[in-house]
Protein backbone atom coordinates (compact mmCIF):
# COMPACT_ATOMS: atom_id res chain seq x y z
CA MET A 1 257.22 288.68 242.50
CA TRP A 2 258.51 287.36 245.79
CA HIS A 3 254.93 286.90 246.96
CA LYS A 4 254.02 284.77 243.92
CA LYS A 5 257.14 282.64 244.36
CA SER A 6 256.27 282.10 248.01
CA VAL A 7 252.76 280.96 247.13
CA TRP A 8 254.05 278.48 244.55
CA TRP A 9 256.68 277.28 247.03
CA ILE A 10 254.00 276.71 249.68
CA LEU A 11 251.69 274.95 247.23
CA GLY A 12 254.55 272.79 246.01
CA GLY A 13 255.38 271.88 249.60
CA LEU A 14 251.78 270.99 250.35
CA GLY A 15 251.57 268.87 247.19
CA GLY A 16 254.74 267.03 248.12
CA SER A 17 253.41 266.41 251.63
CA ALA A 18 250.14 265.05 250.25
CA ILE A 19 252.02 262.66 247.95
CA ALA A 20 254.21 261.53 250.84
CA ILE A 21 251.17 260.92 253.08
CA PHE A 22 249.43 258.96 250.31
CA ALA A 23 252.56 256.85 249.70
CA LEU A 24 252.91 256.21 253.43
CA ALA A 25 249.26 255.13 253.67
CA LYS A 26 249.71 252.74 250.74
CA PHE A 27 252.87 251.33 252.30
CA SER A 28 251.14 250.89 255.67
CA HIS A 29 248.26 249.06 253.94
CA TRP A 30 250.78 246.82 252.12
CA GLN A 31 252.60 246.05 255.38
CA ARG A 32 249.32 245.27 257.12
CA LEU A 33 248.26 242.88 254.32
CA ARG A 34 251.59 241.06 254.44
CA ARG A 35 251.12 240.64 258.20
CA TYR A 36 247.60 239.25 257.75
CA GLU A 37 248.77 236.90 254.97
CA LYS A 38 251.37 235.34 257.28
CA ILE A 39 248.73 234.24 259.80
CA LEU A 40 248.56 230.46 259.47
CA GLU A 41 245.16 229.89 261.11
CA LEU A 42 242.39 232.14 259.85
CA ARG A 43 239.48 230.06 261.06
CA ALA A 44 236.98 232.16 263.05
CA VAL A 45 238.87 235.46 262.65
CA GLN A 46 236.80 238.56 263.41
CA TRP A 47 237.64 240.84 260.48
CA SER A 48 234.33 242.60 259.96
CA GLY A 49 234.83 245.82 258.00
CA LYS A 50 238.58 245.33 257.46
CA ASN A 51 240.29 246.62 254.32
CA LEU A 52 241.91 243.53 252.77
CA ALA A 53 241.84 244.70 249.16
CA GLY A 54 244.44 242.94 247.00
CA ALA A 55 245.45 240.43 249.68
CA ASP A 56 246.65 236.92 248.82
CA PHE A 57 244.69 234.37 250.86
CA SER A 58 244.77 231.54 248.31
CA ARG A 59 244.01 228.09 249.78
CA GLN A 60 243.44 229.54 253.27
CA VAL A 61 240.65 228.38 255.59
CA PHE A 62 238.17 231.05 256.73
CA ARG A 63 235.53 228.74 258.18
CA GLU A 64 233.43 230.42 260.91
CA ALA A 65 235.13 233.76 260.15
CA ASN A 66 233.30 237.08 260.31
CA LEU A 67 234.21 239.05 257.17
CA SER A 68 230.97 241.01 256.92
CA GLU A 69 231.40 244.37 255.17
CA ALA A 70 235.11 243.63 254.65
CA ASN A 71 236.88 244.88 251.52
CA LEU A 72 238.34 241.90 249.62
CA ARG A 73 238.31 243.60 246.26
CA ARG A 74 240.82 242.09 243.79
CA ALA A 75 241.96 239.61 246.45
CA ASN A 76 243.46 236.26 245.47
CA LEU A 77 241.11 233.71 247.03
CA GLN A 78 241.73 230.72 244.77
CA GLY A 79 240.87 227.48 246.53
CA THR A 80 240.00 229.35 249.74
CA ASP A 81 237.53 227.69 252.12
CA PHE A 82 234.67 229.92 253.31
CA SER A 83 232.27 227.01 253.81
CA GLY A 84 229.86 226.58 256.69
CA ALA A 85 226.79 228.40 257.95
CA ALA A 86 228.88 230.15 260.61
CA THR A 87 230.99 231.96 257.98
CA ASN A 88 229.79 235.54 257.51
CA LEU A 89 230.31 237.29 254.15
CA ILE A 90 227.22 239.49 254.45
CA ASP A 91 227.67 242.79 252.55
CA THR A 92 231.29 241.88 251.77
CA ASP A 93 232.99 243.56 248.80
CA LEU A 94 234.50 240.83 246.57
CA ARG A 95 234.57 242.76 243.30
CA GLN A 96 237.22 241.56 240.83
CA ALA A 97 238.41 238.96 243.35
CA ASN A 98 239.65 235.58 242.11
CA LEU A 99 237.65 232.80 243.78
CA THR A 100 238.46 229.99 241.35
CA ASN A 101 237.71 226.63 243.05
CA ALA A 102 236.74 228.41 246.28
CA LEU A 103 234.41 226.66 248.73
CA LEU A 104 231.38 228.71 249.85
CA SER A 105 228.84 225.97 250.55
CA TYR A 106 226.32 226.96 253.26
CA THR A 107 228.06 230.34 253.64
CA GLN A 108 226.05 233.40 254.75
CA ALA A 109 226.72 235.88 251.92
CA THR A 110 223.55 237.97 251.66
CA ARG A 111 224.11 241.09 249.50
CA ALA A 112 227.78 240.19 248.92
CA ASN A 113 229.20 241.90 245.84
CA PHE A 114 230.90 239.48 243.40
CA SER A 115 230.72 241.87 240.44
CA GLY A 116 233.53 241.20 237.95
CA ALA A 117 234.86 238.34 240.08
CA ILE A 118 236.36 235.12 238.72
CA LEU A 119 234.21 232.35 240.21
CA ARG A 120 235.16 229.42 238.00
CA SER A 121 234.23 226.08 239.58
CA ALA A 122 233.47 227.81 242.90
CA ASN A 123 231.06 225.82 245.08
CA PHE A 124 228.13 227.87 246.43
CA SER A 125 225.91 224.88 247.25
CA ASN A 126 223.19 225.77 249.81
CA ALA A 127 224.75 229.20 250.38
CA SER A 128 222.59 232.16 251.39
CA LEU A 129 223.13 234.65 248.55
CA ASN A 130 219.89 236.65 248.56
CA GLY A 131 220.52 240.04 246.96
CA ALA A 132 224.10 239.13 245.98
CA ARG A 133 225.56 240.82 242.90
CA PHE A 134 227.26 238.75 240.18
CA ARG A 135 227.23 241.41 237.48
CA ASP A 136 229.93 240.78 234.83
CA ALA A 137 231.25 237.78 236.83
CA ASP A 138 232.72 234.59 235.40
CA LEU A 139 230.70 231.67 236.80
CA GLN A 140 231.94 229.00 234.40
CA GLY A 141 231.64 225.59 236.10
CA ALA A 142 230.24 227.12 239.31
CA ILE A 143 228.06 224.90 241.52
CA MET A 144 225.04 226.66 243.08
CA ILE A 145 222.92 223.66 244.00
CA GLY A 146 220.26 224.59 246.57
CA ALA A 147 221.54 228.17 246.87
CA LYS A 148 219.22 230.96 248.02
CA LEU A 149 219.52 233.60 245.30
CA VAL A 150 216.36 235.70 245.71
CA ALA A 151 216.78 239.06 243.89
CA ALA A 152 220.41 238.29 243.00
CA ASP A 153 221.89 240.22 240.05
CA PHE A 154 223.15 237.99 237.22
CA SER A 155 223.32 240.68 234.53
CA GLU A 156 226.03 240.61 231.85
CA LEU A 157 227.66 237.38 233.05
CA LYS A 158 230.84 236.35 231.25
CA HIS A 159 229.88 232.67 231.69
CA ASP A 160 226.83 231.00 233.25
CA PRO A 161 227.05 228.62 236.24
CA ALA A 162 227.00 224.86 235.64
CA TYR A 163 224.55 223.70 238.33
CA LEU A 164 221.55 225.47 239.87
CA ASP A 165 219.52 222.42 240.90
CA ARG A 166 216.92 223.33 243.56
CA ALA A 167 218.21 226.92 243.76
CA ASP A 168 215.79 229.76 244.52
CA LEU A 169 215.98 232.34 241.72
CA THR A 170 212.84 234.27 242.68
CA ASP A 171 212.88 237.93 241.56
CA THR A 172 216.18 237.58 239.69
CA GLY A 173 214.61 238.09 236.26
CA ILE A 174 216.17 234.78 235.20
CA THR A 175 213.92 232.53 233.13
CA SER A 176 216.69 230.20 231.95
CA PHE A 177 220.42 229.67 231.51
CA ARG A 178 220.99 227.86 228.24
CA ASP A 179 223.58 225.26 229.31
CA THR A 180 222.95 225.21 233.06
CA ARG A 181 221.34 222.29 234.91
CA LEU A 182 218.29 223.87 236.57
CA CYS A 183 216.52 220.75 237.80
CA ASN A 184 213.79 221.72 240.28
CA ALA A 185 215.09 225.28 240.58
CA THR A 186 212.54 227.99 241.42
CA MET A 187 212.65 230.54 238.61
CA THR A 188 211.96 234.28 238.78
CA THR A 189 208.17 233.86 238.48
CA GLY A 190 207.98 231.00 240.97
CA ALA A 191 207.77 228.31 238.29
CA ILE A 192 209.75 225.11 238.89
CA SER A 193 212.24 224.34 236.15
CA LYS A 194 212.84 220.84 234.81
CA GLN A 195 215.73 221.90 232.58
CA GLY A 196 218.57 219.41 232.77
CA CYS A 197 216.82 216.88 234.99
CA PHE A 198 217.90 214.17 232.54
CA TRP A 199 221.43 215.50 232.27
CA PRO A 200 224.22 213.98 234.42
CA SER A 201 224.04 215.34 237.98
CA TYR A 202 226.94 216.94 239.82
CA ASP A 203 227.28 213.87 242.08
CA LEU A 204 227.42 211.60 239.04
CA LYS A 205 230.08 213.79 237.47
CA LYS A 206 232.18 213.69 240.65
CA ALA A 207 231.84 209.90 240.84
CA ALA A 208 232.93 209.56 237.22
CA GLN A 209 235.96 211.78 237.81
CA ALA A 210 236.92 209.76 240.90
CA GLN A 211 236.03 206.49 239.15
CA ASP A 212 233.86 205.70 242.16
CA TRP A 213 230.88 203.60 241.08
CA SER A 214 229.75 202.47 244.54
CA TRP A 215 226.56 204.53 244.11
CA MET A 216 225.54 202.08 241.37
CA ASP A 217 225.81 199.18 243.83
CA LEU A 218 223.59 201.06 246.28
CA LEU A 219 221.06 201.79 243.55
CA GLN A 220 221.00 198.14 242.49
CA ALA A 221 220.58 197.05 246.12
CA LYS A 222 217.54 199.32 246.48
CA GLN A 223 216.01 197.94 243.32
CA CYS A 224 216.81 194.30 244.15
CA PRO A 225 216.86 194.02 247.97
CA TYR A 226 216.87 190.21 247.90
CA SER A 227 219.57 189.72 245.30
């Protein structure tokens, strides 16, 4: 009887120790994230492979940063700036992250995992996204003009992107997005799409929102150089 009680006492002690170690690890991770979040200048940080899951980096600037293979799962990255060819998001885990209005133009994000992420109105223009995964992501209003998306996974999207002009969609299996502007995009078979070429362009939409019609003056000047 005493022997059985001793065994249960030992097992109970081990279980309690395991719970305590797990809680301590979680607390250490939380403390580490809070320390990272307080850093004011994140440009060019070298955080390759770091565990940053659940961090709040909204409206931060990560230009020229190395976040390759980092874990940013469920992170708050709303309005965050990852733009520029020197920014490295290759093989980065961004599943379930919130990147609403984030800037990723020209970013190197080959094989990045955006599965389940909120990418509303995110700007991926001219980004390198070959092999990236967007499974079950929300791309409503996203701009992917000129993006390299060879073999990217767009399965089960919640919402389609708004602009894919001149994007490379080779080997994605995508033949069309119903309401997406695909003007001069390369489709999965290599065919060039003309879908949306007569729809308002992204630049025109921005000009209308800013009530900036100077582009019309330039167009008129080209047409009538002696006027």
